[in-house]
């Protein structure tokens, strides 16, 4: 069993022992800086690791002592993933910090430099949507089927993108596929219903919109913004 590193020793280890500098920086970022809320320090460390091309999965220390290490990382609403200690983890965590600080272009730049995967696509779709880059969202989600929770999230983003582009029929098709599998996380299903309801509203189909909103109301009366949506139907 590996003891938790002494937080006060990590910077010294990274300075004095060149070979240990990357793993010391990674430990400091994930085990001390972030838990303490020191985002600037974590950002500096993770940026250095990412820009130098460090790959934990190739580090002898990680391979010997932490071969099965995983980290839980929330990457979007309703999507938490368990990631191994590898370059993708560093990139996704770095992008999340950039996003928290409102630096969306830097977050996008990091994700676009990772190997394409479903997880990176979820993060990228969220970032594109936050910047109203709807063409990129549509292209990123082309040909998707609802195979897992990540795909459900991506289909919801696809529906939003089509609605914002003025294609409500295409939007509803995306939401239909997102809602097809009822076993997906509740927060994803409720988000799909809300977004489909907003699409119906954009078409003037108030009865259909209200039906979707009330489905969410029956399950979660405190859903963010739901009361405001329902206020549209008050006399």
Foldseek 3Di string as FASTA:
>chain_A
DDDQDDLVCLVVCLVPPVLCVLVSLVSNLPVPCVVVVNLVSNLVSLVVCLVVPPWLCPRPCCVVPPVPDWDWDDQDVQDIDTGGRTSVVSLSVNLVSCVVVVNLVVSLVSLVPDDDDLSSLLNNLVSCVVVLVLVVLLVSLPPQACPALSNLSSLQSNLLSCLVVPNLVSSVVSLCRSPVDVPRDPRSVLSSLQSNLVSCVVVVNNVSSVVSLVVVCVVDVVPPPSVVVVVVPDD
